[in-house]
Amino acid sequence: MHNPQLAEEVTRLHADFCFALADARRLLILYALDAGPKNVTELTKTLAATQPTISRHLKILRERGLVTATREGTSVVYRLADRRLIEALDLLRAVMRDQWVRKAELMDSES
């Protein structure tokens, strides 16, 4: 990006997006939604968490555009906004796994 102001704004938005991913509970919610749409009650059962906790995290994910919410009858059903998010999370996990392997190999070679 040649426009410094635009680059700064995109970077700020990127950091805000990453903030939504910087919580283990929110990652678990995203992976649970990868299995299919769920309402808050289903998520509380799947993740063994309280309704206020799940709702608070869903609000953050929804505000950042990572999940969508649709009213169906008396409940609100949540879905992943984009399946590529799970692919990106899986890629990050693969990078982490490779780093752990390298660290373990270094520790083994030092002993």
PDB file of N, CA and C in Angstrom:
ATOM      1  N   MET A   1       0.845  -1.177   0.000  1.00  0.00           N
ATOM      2  CA  MET A   1       0.000   0.000   0.000  1.00  0.00           C
ATOM      3  C   MET A   1       0.887   1.236   0.000  1.00  0.00           C
ATOM      4  N   HIS A   2       0.613   2.114  -0.919  1.00  0.00           N
ATOM      5  CA  HIS A   2       1.432   3.310  -1.048  1.00  0.00           C
ATOM      6  C   HIS A   2       0.876   4.464  -0.236  1.00  0.00           C
ATOM      7  N   ASN A   3      -0.354   4.386   0.175  1.00  0.00           N
ATOM      8  CA  ASN A   3      -0.972   5.439   0.967  1.00  0.00           C
ATOM      9  C   ASN A   3      -0.768   5.120   2.448  1.00  0.00           C
ATOM     10  N   PRO A   4       0.086   5.890   3.151  1.00  0.00           N
ATOM     11  CA  PRO A   4       0.370   5.587   4.561  1.00  0.00           C
ATOM     12  C   PRO A   4      -0.867   5.613   5.452  1.00  0.00           C
ATOM     13  N   GLN A   5      -1.785   6.531   5.189  1.00  0.00           N
ATOM     14  CA  GLN A   5      -3.002   6.598   6.005  1.00  0.00           C
ATOM     15  C   GLN A   5      -3.859   5.355   5.804  1.00  0.00           C
ATOM     16  N   LEU A   6      -3.974   4.916   4.564  1.00  0.00           N
ATOM     17  CA  LEU A   6      -4.746   3.712   4.270  1.00  0.00           C
ATOM     18  C   LEU A   6      -4.078   2.495   4.900  1.00  0.00           C
ATOM     19  N   ALA A   7      -2.760   2.416   4.781  1.00  0.00           N
ATOM     20  CA  ALA A   7      -2.020   1.297   5.374  1.00  0.00           C
ATOM     21  C   ALA A   7      -2.215   1.268   6.886  1.00  0.00           C
ATOM     22  N   GLU A   8      -2.189   2.432   7.501  1.00  0.00           N
ATOM     23  CA  GLU A   8      -2.391   2.505   8.953  1.00  0.00           C
ATOM     24  C   GLU A   8      -3.800   2.058   9.334  1.00  0.00           C
ATOM     25  N   GLU A   9      -4.794   2.480   8.575  1.00  0.00           N
ATOM     26  CA  GLU A   9      -6.182   2.100   8.857  1.00  0.00           C
ATOM     27  C   GLU A   9      -6.380   0.598   8.671  1.00  0.00           C
ATOM     28  N   VAL A  10      -5.830   0.047   7.595  1.00  0.00           N
ATOM     29  CA  VAL A  10      -5.945  -1.394   7.353  1.00  0.00           C
ATOM     30  C   VAL A  10      -5.260  -2.167   8.477  1.00  0.00           C
ATOM     31  N   THR A  11      -4.099  -1.687   8.916  1.00  0.00           N
ATOM     32  CA  THR A  11      -3.375  -2.346  10.004  1.00  0.00           C
ATOM     33  C   THR A  11      -4.170  -2.277  11.302  1.00  0.00           C
ATOM     34  N   ARG A  12      -4.810  -1.137  11.565  1.00  0.00           N
ATOM     35  CA  ARG A  12      -5.642  -1.010  12.766  1.00  0.00           C
ATOM     36  C   ARG A  12      -6.813  -1.979  12.709  1.00  0.00           C
ATOM     37  N   LEU A  13      -7.463  -2.076  11.550  1.00  0.00           N
ATOM     38  CA  LEU A  13      -8.577  -3.010  11.387  1.00  0.00           C
ATOM     39  C   LEU A  13      -8.104  -4.455  11.534  1.00  0.00           C
ATOM     40  N   HIS A  14      -6.920  -4.746  11.017  1.00  0.00           N
ATOM     41  CA  HIS A  14      -6.341  -6.086  11.135  1.00  0.00           C
ATOM     42  C   HIS A  14      -6.122  -6.432  12.609  1.00  0.00           C
ATOM     43  N   ALA A  15      -5.568  -5.489  13.364  1.00  0.00           N
ATOM     44  CA  ALA A  15      -5.339  -5.716  14.795  1.00  0.00           C
ATOM     45  C   ALA A  15      -6.660  -5.925  15.531  1.00  0.00           C
ATOM     46  N   ASP A  16      -7.671  -5.155  15.175  1.00  0.00           N
ATOM     47  CA  ASP A  16      -8.982  -5.302  15.804  1.00  0.00           C
ATOM     48  C   ASP A  16      -9.582  -6.668  15.487  1.00  0.00           C
ATOM     49  N   PHE A  17      -9.411  -7.110  14.259  1.00  0.00           N
ATOM     50  CA  PHE A  17      -9.870  -8.435  13.825  1.00  0.00           C
ATOM     51  C   PHE A  17      -9.159  -9.513  14.640  1.00  0.00           C
ATOM     52  N   CYS A  18      -7.829  -9.361  14.774  1.00  0.00           N
ATOM     53  CA  CYS A  18      -7.043 -10.345  15.534  1.00  0.00           C
ATOM     54  C   CYS A  18      -7.427 -10.353  17.008  1.00  0.00           C
ATOM     55  N   PHE A  19      -7.833  -9.196  17.547  1.00  0.00           N
ATOM     56  CA  PHE A  19      -8.293  -9.140  18.931  1.00  0.00           C
ATOM     57  C   PHE A  19      -9.425 -10.133  19.156  1.00  0.00           C
ATOM     58  N   ALA A  20     -10.325 -10.220  18.187  1.00  0.00           N
ATOM     59  CA  ALA A  20     -11.457 -11.143  18.322  1.00  0.00           C
ATOM     60  C   ALA A  20     -10.995 -12.589  18.362  1.00  0.00           C
ATOM     61  N   LEU A  21      -9.829 -12.860  17.797  1.00  0.00           N
ATOM     62  CA  LEU A  21      -9.303 -14.227  17.771  1.00  0.00           C
ATOM     63  C   LEU A  21      -8.394 -14.516  18.964  1.00  0.00           C
ATOM     64  N   ALA A  22      -8.125 -13.506  19.766  1.00  0.00           N
ATOM     65  CA  ALA A  22      -7.146 -13.634  20.851  1.00  0.00           C
ATOM     66  C   ALA A  22      -7.767 -14.118  22.158  1.00  0.00           C
ATOM     67  N   ASP A  23      -8.745 -14.980  22.059  1.00  0.00           N
ATOM     68  CA  ASP A  23      -9.389 -15.529  23.251  1.00  0.00           C
ATOM     69  C   ASP A  23      -9.747 -16.989  22.968  1.00  0.00           C
ATOM     70  N   ALA A  24      -9.330 -17.859  23.860  1.00  0.00           N
ATOM     71  CA  ALA A  24      -9.558 -19.296  23.648  1.00  0.00           C
ATOM     72  C   ALA A  24     -11.039 -19.628  23.515  1.00  0.00           C
ATOM     73  N   ARG A  25     -11.877 -18.999  24.314  1.00  0.00           N
ATOM     74  CA  ARG A  25     -13.314 -19.288  24.257  1.00  0.00           C
ATOM     75  C   ARG A  25     -13.883 -18.902  22.897  1.00  0.00           C
ATOM     76  N   ARG A  26     -13.448 -17.760  22.359  1.00  0.00           N
ATOM     77  CA  ARG A  26     -13.956 -17.342  21.048  1.00  0.00           C
ATOM     78  C   ARG A  26     -13.484 -18.291  19.947  1.00  0.00           C
ATOM     79  N   LEU A  27     -12.261 -18.779  20.057  1.00  0.00           N
ATOM     80  CA  LEU A  27     -11.789 -19.767  19.081  1.00  0.00           C
ATOM     81  C   LEU A  27     -12.631 -21.031  19.148  1.00  0.00           C
ATOM     82  N   LEU A  28     -12.962 -21.460  20.364  1.00  0.00           N
ATOM     83  CA  LEU A  28     -13.812 -22.650  20.519  1.00  0.00           C
ATOM     84  C   LEU A  28     -15.196 -22.421  19.911  1.00  0.00           C
ATOM     85  N   ILE A  29     -15.723 -21.224  20.066  1.00  0.00           N
ATOM     86  CA  ILE A  29     -17.023 -20.897  19.469  1.00  0.00           C
ATOM     87  C   ILE A  29     -16.934 -20.997  17.947  1.00  0.00           C
ATOM     88  N   LEU A  30     -15.879 -20.437  17.379  1.00  0.00           N
ATOM     89  CA  LEU A  30     -15.723 -20.490  15.921  1.00  0.00           C
ATOM     90  C   LEU A  30     -15.627 -21.925  15.429  1.00  0.00           C
ATOM     91  N   TYR A  31     -14.844 -22.749  16.122  1.00  0.00           N
ATOM     92  CA  TYR A  31     -14.739 -24.156  15.710  1.00  0.00           C
ATOM     93  C   TYR A  31     -16.074 -24.885  15.897  1.00  0.00           C
ATOM     94  N   ALA A  32     -16.821 -24.549  16.943  1.00  0.00           N
ATOM     95  CA  ALA A  32     -18.141 -25.169  17.140  1.00  0.00           C
ATOM     96  C   ALA A  32     -19.085 -24.781  16.002  1.00  0.00           C
ATOM     97  N   LEU A  33     -19.017 -23.529  15.569  1.00  0.00           N
ATOM     98  CA  LEU A  33     -19.876 -23.082  14.472  1.00  0.00           C
ATOM     99  C   LEU A  33     -19.435 -23.659  13.132  1.00  0.00           C
ATOM    100  N   ASP A  34     -18.197 -24.082  13.038  1.00  0.00           N
ATOM    101  CA  ASP A  34     -17.749 -24.735  11.806  1.00  0.00           C
ATOM    102  C   ASP A  34     -18.507 -26.045  11.589  1.00  0.00           C
ATOM    103  N   ALA A  35     -18.948 -26.656  12.680  1.00  0.00           N
ATOM    104  CA  ALA A  35     -19.723 -27.902  12.579  1.00  0.00           C
ATOM    105  C   ALA A  35     -21.157 -27.635  12.125  1.00  0.00           C
ATOM    106  N   GLY A  36     -21.572 -26.376  12.161  1.00  0.00           N
ATOM    107  CA  GLY A  36     -22.916 -26.019  11.732  1.00  0.00           C
ATOM    108  C   GLY A  36     -23.488 -24.903  12.582  1.00  0.00           C
ATOM    109  N   PRO A  37     -24.543 -24.249  12.102  1.00  0.00           N
ATOM    110  CA  PRO A  37     -25.166 -23.150  12.832  1.00  0.00           C
ATOM    111  C   PRO A  37     -25.669 -23.609  14.198  1.00  0.00           C
ATOM    112  N   LYS A  38     -25.585 -22.695  15.176  1.00  0.00           N
ATOM    113  CA  LYS A  38     -26.053 -23.015  16.527  1.00  0.00           C
ATOM    114  C   LYS A  38     -26.617 -21.767  17.181  1.00  0.00           C
ATOM    115  N   ASN A  39     -27.565 -21.995  18.093  1.00  0.00           N
ATOM    116  CA  ASN A  39     -28.040 -20.889  18.912  1.00  0.00           C
ATOM    117  C   ASN A  39     -27.229 -20.862  20.210  1.00  0.00           C
ATOM    118  N   VAL A  40     -27.471 -19.874  21.045  1.00  0.00           N
ATOM    119  CA  VAL A  40     -26.691 -19.719  22.280  1.00  0.00           C
ATOM    120  C   VAL A  40     -26.834 -20.938  23.180  1.00  0.00           C
ATOM    121  N   THR A  41     -28.033 -21.481  23.301  1.00  0.00           N
ATOM    122  CA  THR A  41     -28.248 -22.653  24.156  1.00  0.00           C
ATOM    123  C   THR A  41     -27.406 -23.830  23.687  1.00  0.00           C
ATOM    124  N   GLU A  42     -27.379 -24.058  22.389  1.00  0.00           N
ATOM    125  CA  GLU A  42     -26.568 -25.158  21.849  1.00  0.00           C
ATOM    126  C   GLU A  42     -25.083 -24.923  22.107  1.00  0.00           C
ATOM    127  N   LEU A  43     -24.647 -23.679  21.970  1.00  0.00           N
ATOM    128  CA  LEU A  43     -23.238 -23.370  22.224  1.00  0.00           C
ATOM    129  C   LEU A  43     -22.885 -23.537  23.700  1.00  0.00           C
ATOM    130  N   THR A  44     -23.799 -23.158  24.595  1.00  0.00           N
ATOM    131  CA  THR A  44     -23.503 -23.323  26.027  1.00  0.00           C
ATOM    132  C   THR A  44     -23.341 -24.795  26.372  1.00  0.00           C
ATOM    133  N   LYS A  45     -24.162 -25.644  25.768  1.00  0.00           N
ATOM    134  CA  LYS A  45     -24.044 -27.088  26.013  1.00  0.00           C
ATOM    135  C   LYS A  45     -22.772 -27.650  25.390  1.00  0.00           C
ATOM    136  N   THR A  46     -22.495 -27.266  24.159  1.00  0.00           N
ATOM    137  CA  THR A  46     -21.313 -27.770  23.453  1.00  0.00           C
ATOM    138  C   THR A  46     -20.027 -27.377  24.168  1.00  0.00           C
ATOM    139  N   LEU A  47     -19.986 -26.144  24.681  1.00  0.00           N
ATOM    140  CA  LEU A  47     -18.746 -25.612  25.255  1.00  0.00           C
ATOM    141  C   LEU A  47     -18.736 -25.599  26.781  1.00  0.00           C
ATOM    142  N   ALA A  48     -19.795 -26.100  27.402  1.00  0.00           N
ATOM    143  CA  ALA A  48     -19.884 -26.136  28.871  1.00  0.00           C
ATOM    144  C   ALA A  48     -19.572 -24.764  29.471  1.00  0.00           C
ATOM    145  N   ALA A  49     -20.278 -23.756  28.980  1.00  0.00           N
ATOM    146  CA  ALA A  49     -20.092 -22.390  29.461  1.00  0.00           C
ATOM    147  C   ALA A  49     -21.455 -21.785  29.756  1.00  0.00           C
ATOM    148  N   THR A  50     -21.455 -20.692  30.495  1.00  0.00           N
ATOM    149  CA  THR A  50     -22.718 -20.043  30.838  1.00  0.00           C
ATOM    150  C   THR A  50     -23.235 -19.222  29.657  1.00  0.00           C
ATOM    151  N   GLN A  51     -24.525 -18.971  29.676  1.00  0.00           N
ATOM    152  CA  GLN A  51     -25.146 -18.178  28.615  1.00  0.00           C
ATOM    153  C   GLN A  51     -24.555 -16.768  28.549  1.00  0.00           C
ATOM    154  N   PRO A  52     -24.362 -16.073  29.692  1.00  0.00           N
ATOM    155  CA  PRO A  52     -23.774 -14.731  29.591  1.00  0.00           C
ATOM    156  C   PRO A  52     -22.365 -14.738  28.983  1.00  0.00           C
ATOM    157  N   THR A  53     -21.581 -15.753  29.314  1.00  0.00           N
ATOM    158  CA  THR A  53     -20.222 -15.850  28.765  1.00  0.00           C
ATOM    159  C   THR A  53     -20.267 -16.028  27.253  1.00  0.00           C
ATOM    160  N   ILE A  54     -21.070 -16.966  26.793  1.00  0.00           N
ATOM    161  CA  ILE A  54     -21.180 -17.217  25.348  1.00  0.00           C
ATOM    162  C   ILE A  54     -21.720 -15.982  24.636  1.00  0.00           C
ATOM    163  N   SER A  55     -22.742 -15.360  25.191  1.00  0.00           N
ATOM    164  CA  SER A  55     -23.339 -14.172  24.560  1.00  0.00           C
ATOM    165  C   SER A  55     -22.331 -13.034  24.444  1.00  0.00           C
ATOM    166  N   ARG A  56     -21.527 -12.833  25.483  1.00  0.00           N
ATOM    167  CA  ARG A  56     -20.515 -11.767  25.465  1.00  0.00           C
ATOM    168  C   ARG A  56     -19.499 -12.011  24.343  1.00  0.00           C
ATOM    169  N   HIS A  57     -19.051 -13.246  24.220  1.00  0.00           N
ATOM    170  CA  HIS A  57     -18.073 -13.563  23.181  1.00  0.00           C
ATOM    171  C   HIS A  57     -18.692 -13.494  21.784  1.00  0.00           C
ATOM    172  N   LEU A  58     -19.931 -13.931  21.649  1.00  0.00           N
ATOM    173  CA  LEU A  58     -20.615 -13.832  20.354  1.00  0.00           C
ATOM    174  C   LEU A  58     -20.765 -12.376  19.921  1.00  0.00           C
ATOM    175  N   LYS A  59     -21.011 -11.500  20.870  1.00  0.00           N
ATOM    176  CA  LYS A  59     -21.139 -10.075  20.557  1.00  0.00           C
ATOM    177  C   LYS A  59     -19.844  -9.554  19.937  1.00  0.00           C
ATOM    178  N   ILE A  60     -18.718  -9.910  20.519  1.00  0.00           N
ATOM    179  CA  ILE A  60     -17.418  -9.479  19.988  1.00  0.00           C
ATOM    180  C   ILE A  60     -17.202 -10.051  18.593  1.00  0.00           C
ATOM    181  N   LEU A  61     -17.483 -11.331  18.420  1.00  0.00           N
ATOM    182  CA  LEU A  61     -17.311 -11.970  17.109  1.00  0.00           C
ATOM    183  C   LEU A  61     -18.240 -11.358  16.061  1.00  0.00           C
ATOM    184  N   ARG A  62     -19.461 -11.049  16.475  1.00  0.00           N
ATOM    185  CA  ARG A  62     -20.435 -10.451  15.555  1.00  0.00           C
ATOM    186  C   ARG A  62     -20.007  -9.030  15.170  1.00  0.00           C
ATOM    187  N   GLU A  63     -19.547  -8.244  16.148  1.00  0.00           N
ATOM    188  CA  GLU A  63     -19.127  -6.868  15.876  1.00  0.00           C
ATOM    189  C   GLU A  63     -17.952  -6.809  14.907  1.00  0.00           C
ATOM    190  N   ARG A  64     -17.105  -7.826  14.925  1.00  0.00           N
ATOM    191  CA  ARG A  64     -15.945  -7.864  14.027  1.00  0.00           C
ATOM    192  C   ARG A  64     -16.264  -8.569  12.714  1.00  0.00           C
ATOM    193  N   GLY A  65     -17.501  -9.009  12.544  1.00  0.00           N
ATOM    194  CA  GLY A  65     -17.917  -9.623  11.288  1.00  0.00           C
ATOM    195  C   GLY A  65     -17.471 -11.055  11.096  1.00  0.00           C
ATOM    196  N   LEU A  66     -17.117 -11.740  12.190  1.00  0.00           N
ATOM    197  CA  LEU A  66     -16.658 -13.123  12.083  1.00  0.00           C
ATOM    198  C   LEU A  66     -17.805 -14.118  12.112  1.00  0.00           C
ATOM    199  N   VAL A  67     -18.911 -13.735  12.732  1.00  0.00           N
ATOM    200  CA  VAL A  67     -20.111 -14.573  12.737  1.00  0.00           C
ATOM    201  C   VAL A  67     -21.303 -13.719  12.341  1.00  0.00           C
ATOM    202  N   THR A  68     -22.332 -14.380  11.847  1.00  0.00           N
ATOM    203  CA  THR A  68     -23.589 -13.704  11.542  1.00  0.00           C
ATOM    204  C   THR A  68     -24.663 -14.252  12.467  1.00  0.00           C
ATOM    205  N   ALA A  69     -25.688 -13.461  12.673  1.00  0.00           N
ATOM    206  CA  ALA A  69     -26.795 -13.860  13.535  1.00  0.00           C
ATOM    207  C   ALA A  69     -28.097 -13.688  12.770  1.00  0.00           C
ATOM    208  N   THR A  70     -28.936 -14.723  12.825  1.00  0.00           N
ATOM    209  CA  THR A  70     -30.225 -14.706  12.144  1.00  0.00           C
ATOM    210  C   THR A  70     -31.302 -15.144  13.122  1.00  0.00           C
ATOM    211  N   ARG A  71     -32.358 -14.358  13.212  1.00  0.00           N
ATOM    212  CA  ARG A  71     -33.470 -14.746  14.081  1.00  0.00           C
ATOM    213  C   ARG A  71     -34.266 -15.840  13.390  1.00  0.00           C
ATOM    214  N   GLU A  72     -34.460 -16.939  14.114  1.00  0.00           N
ATOM    215  CA  GLU A  72     -35.276 -18.054  13.623  1.00  0.00           C
ATOM    216  C   GLU A  72     -36.266 -18.401  14.721  1.00  0.00           C
ATOM    217  N   GLY A  73     -37.485 -17.947  14.532  1.00  0.00           N
ATOM    218  CA  GLY A  73     -38.493 -18.144  15.577  1.00  0.00           C
ATOM    219  C   GLY A  73     -38.139 -17.317  16.794  1.00  0.00           C
ATOM    220  N   THR A  74     -38.028 -17.983  17.937  1.00  0.00           N
ATOM    221  CA  THR A  74     -37.736 -17.264  19.176  1.00  0.00           C
ATOM    222  C   THR A  74     -36.246 -17.225  19.507  1.00  0.00           C
ATOM    223  N   SER A  75     -35.429 -17.869  18.695  1.00  0.00           N
ATOM    224  CA  SER A  75     -33.994 -17.873  19.008  1.00  0.00           C
ATOM    225  C   SER A  75     -33.186 -17.220  17.889  1.00  0.00           C
ATOM    226  N   VAL A  76     -31.946 -16.905  18.224  1.00  0.00           N
ATOM    227  CA  VAL A  76     -31.006 -16.341  17.259  1.00  0.00           C
ATOM    228  C   VAL A  76     -29.985 -17.424  16.944  1.00  0.00           C
ATOM    229  N   VAL A  77     -29.788 -17.682  15.663  1.00  0.00           N
ATOM    230  CA  VAL A  77     -28.865 -18.723  15.223  1.00  0.00           C
ATOM    231  C   VAL A  77     -27.608 -18.050  14.665  1.00  0.00           C
ATOM    232  N   TYR A  78     -26.466 -18.555  15.109  1.00  0.00           N
ATOM    233  CA  TYR A  78     -25.170 -18.002  14.709  1.00  0.00           C
ATOM    234  C   TYR A  78     -24.496 -18.918  13.705  1.00  0.00           C
ATOM    235  N   ARG A  79     -23.812 -18.280  12.751  1.00  0.00           N
ATOM    236  CA  ARG A  79     -23.081 -19.005  11.709  1.00  0.00           C
ATOM    237  C   ARG A  79     -21.743 -18.313  11.485  1.00  0.00           C
ATOM    238  N   LEU A  80     -20.781 -19.072  10.968  1.00  0.00           N
ATOM    239  CA  LEU A  80     -19.533 -18.450  10.533  1.00  0.00           C
ATOM    240  C   LEU A  80     -19.847 -17.504   9.383  1.00  0.00           C
ATOM    241  N   ALA A  81     -19.238 -16.346   9.390  1.00  0.00           N
ATOM    242  CA  ALA A  81     -19.445 -15.401   8.296  1.00  0.00           C
ATOM    243  C   ALA A  81     -18.688 -15.841   7.048  1.00  0.00           C
ATOM    244  N   ASP A  82     -17.569 -16.543   7.257  1.00  0.00           N
ATOM    245  CA  ASP A  82     -16.741 -16.964   6.128  1.00  0.00           C
ATOM    246  C   ASP A  82     -15.950 -18.200   6.543  1.00  0.00           C
ATOM    247  N   ARG A  83     -16.116 -19.280   5.839  1.00  0.00           N
ATOM    248  CA  ARG A  83     -15.448 -20.554   6.155  1.00  0.00           C
ATOM    249  C   ARG A  83     -13.929 -20.444   6.083  1.00  0.00           C
ATOM    250  N   ARG A  84     -13.426 -19.487   5.306  1.00  0.00           N
ATOM    251  CA  ARG A  84     -11.974 -19.316   5.195  1.00  0.00           C
ATOM    252  C   ARG A  84     -11.333 -18.976   6.532  1.00  0.00           C
ATOM    253  N   LEU A  85     -12.124 -18.462   7.456  1.00  0.00           N
ATOM    254  CA  LEU A  85     -11.601 -18.161   8.786  1.00  0.00           C
ATOM    255  C   LEU A  85     -11.073 -19.425   9.455  1.00  0.00           C
ATOM    256  N   ILE A  86     -11.802 -20.518   9.344  1.00  0.00           N
ATOM    257  CA  ILE A  86     -11.362 -21.790   9.934  1.00  0.00           C
ATOM    258  C   ILE A  86     -10.103 -22.275   9.227  1.00  0.00           C
ATOM    259  N   GLU A  87     -10.048 -22.107   7.919  1.00  0.00           N
ATOM    260  CA  GLU A  87      -8.845 -22.491   7.179  1.00  0.00           C
ATOM    261  C   GLU A  87      -7.638 -21.695   7.673  1.00  0.00           C
ATOM    262  N   ALA A  88      -7.833 -20.398   7.931  1.00  0.00           N
ATOM    263  CA  ALA A  88      -6.747 -19.557   8.448  1.00  0.00           C
ATOM    264  C   ALA A  88      -6.338 -19.999   9.851  1.00  0.00           C
ATOM    265  N   LEU A  89      -7.317 -20.308  10.697  1.00  0.00           N
ATOM    266  CA  LEU A  89      -7.006 -20.785  12.049  1.00  0.00           C
ATOM    267  C   LEU A  89      -6.261 -22.113  11.996  1.00  0.00           C
ATOM    268  N   ASP A  90      -6.668 -22.989  11.104  1.00  0.00           N
ATOM    269  CA  ASP A  90      -5.975 -24.273  10.952  1.00  0.00           C
ATOM    270  C   ASP A  90      -4.539 -24.065  10.479  1.00  0.00           C
ATOM    271  N   LEU A  91      -4.329 -23.101   9.591  1.00  0.00           N
ATOM    272  CA  LEU A  91      -2.980 -22.793   9.122  1.00  0.00           C
ATOM    273  C   LEU A  91      -2.119 -22.280  10.276  1.00  0.00           C
ATOM    274  N   LEU A  92      -2.678 -21.414  11.108  1.00  0.00           N
ATOM    275  CA  LEU A  92      -1.946 -20.927  12.282  1.00  0.00           C
ATOM    276  C   LEU A  92      -1.589 -22.071  13.219  1.00  0.00           C
ATOM    277  N   ARG A  93      -2.504 -22.995  13.403  1.00  0.00           N
ATOM    278  CA  ARG A  93      -2.215 -24.157  14.257  1.00  0.00           C
ATOM    279  C   ARG A  93      -1.095 -25.008  13.671  1.00  0.00           C
ATOM    280  N   ALA A  94      -1.060 -25.136  12.370  1.00  0.00           N
ATOM    281  CA  ALA A  94       0.007 -25.904  11.727  1.00  0.00           C
ATOM    282  C   ALA A  94       1.355 -25.215  11.938  1.00  0.00           C
ATOM    283  N   VAL A  95       1.385 -23.892  11.831  1.00  0.00           N
ATOM    284  CA  VAL A  95       2.619 -23.139  12.080  1.00  0.00           C
ATOM    285  C   VAL A  95       3.058 -23.337  13.529  1.00  0.00           C
ATOM    286  N   MET A  96       2.123 -23.244  14.464  1.00  0.00           N
ATOM    287  CA  MET A  96       2.445 -23.456  15.881  1.00  0.00           C
ATOM    288  C   MET A  96       2.995 -24.854  16.114  1.00  0.00           C
ATOM    289  N   ARG A  97       2.360 -25.839  15.529  1.00  0.00           N
ATOM    290  CA  ARG A  97       2.797 -27.228  15.688  1.00  0.00           C
ATOM    291  C   ARG A  97       4.227 -27.395  15.174  1.00  0.00           C
ATOM    292  N   ASP A  98       4.530 -26.803  14.027  1.00  0.00           N
ATOM    293  CA  ASP A  98       5.881 -26.880  13.476  1.00  0.00           C
ATOM    294  C   ASP A  98       6.894 -26.215  14.404  1.00  0.00           C
ATOM    295  N   GLN A  99       6.510 -25.101  15.008  1.00  0.00           N
ATOM    296  CA  GLN A  99       7.408 -24.434  15.956  1.00  0.00           C
ATOM    297  C   GLN A  99       7.656 -25.311  17.178  1.00  0.00           C
ATOM    298  N   TRP A 100       6.621 -25.963  17.679  1.00  0.00           N
ATOM    299  CA  TRP A 100       6.793 -26.848  18.839  1.00  0.00           C
ATOM    300  C   TRP A 100       7.732 -27.998  18.504  1.00  0.00           C
ATOM    301  N   VAL A 101       7.586 -28.540  17.304  1.00  0.00           N
ATOM    302  CA  VAL A 101       8.458 -29.643  16.883  1.00  0.00           C
ATOM    303  C   VAL A 101       9.905 -29.165  16.837  1.00  0.00           C
ATOM    304  N   ARG A 102      10.143 -27.986  16.246  1.00  0.00           N
ATOM    305  CA  ARG A 102      11.507 -27.445  16.177  1.00  0.00           C
ATOM    306  C   ARG A 102      12.078 -27.218  17.572  1.00  0.00           C
ATOM    307  N   LYS A 103      11.270 -26.670  18.477  1.00  0.00           N
ATOM    308  CA  LYS A 103      11.739 -26.439  19.849  1.00  0.00           C
ATOM    309  C   LYS A 103      12.073 -27.754  20.535  1.00  0.00           C
ATOM    310  N   ALA A 104      11.235 -28.747  20.342  1.00  0.00           N
ATOM    311  CA  ALA A 104      11.487 -30.058  20.950  1.00  0.00           C
ATOM    312  C   ALA A 104      12.770 -30.662  20.391  1.00  0.00           C
ATOM    313  N   GLU A 105      12.981 -30.519  19.091  1.00  0.00           N
ATOM    314  CA  GLU A 105      14.204 -31.040  18.476  1.00  0.00           C
ATOM    315  C   GLU A 105      15.438 -30.329  19.019  1.00  0.00           C
ATOM    316  N   LEU A 106      15.336 -29.009  19.224  1.00  0.00           N
ATOM    317  CA  LEU A 106      16.452 -28.256  19.797  1.00  0.00           C
ATOM    318  C   LEU A 106      16.750 -28.708  21.219  1.00  0.00           C
ATOM    319  N   MET A 107      15.711 -28.922  21.992  1.00  0.00           N
ATOM    320  CA  MET A 107      15.897 -29.371  23.374  1.00  0.00           C
ATOM    321  C   MET A 107      16.532 -30.756  23.396  1.00  0.00           C
ATOM    322  N   ASP A 108      16.106 -31.630  22.497  1.00  0.00           N
ATOM    323  CA  ASP A 108      16.679 -32.979  22.420  1.00  0.00           C
ATOM    324  C   ASP A 108      18.153 -32.930  22.028  1.00  0.00           C
ATOM    325  N   SER A 109      18.490 -32.034  21.116  1.00  0.00           N
ATOM    326  CA  SER A 109      19.882 -31.955  20.658  1.00  0.00           C
ATOM    327  C   SER A 109      20.797 -31.347  21.718  1.00  0.00           C
ATOM    328  N   GLU A 110      20.221 -30.566  22.636  1.00  0.00           N
ATOM    329  CA  GLU A 110      21.009 -29.954  23.705  1.00  0.00           C
ATOM    330  C   GLU A 110      21.219 -30.903  24.873  1.00  0.00           C
ATOM    331  N   SER A 111      20.449 -31.981  24.953  1.00  0.00           N
ATOM    332  CA  SER A 111      20.595 -32.890  26.096  1.00  0.00           C
ATOM    333  C   SER A 111      21.576 -33.990  25.841  1.00  0.00           C
TER     334      SER A 111
END
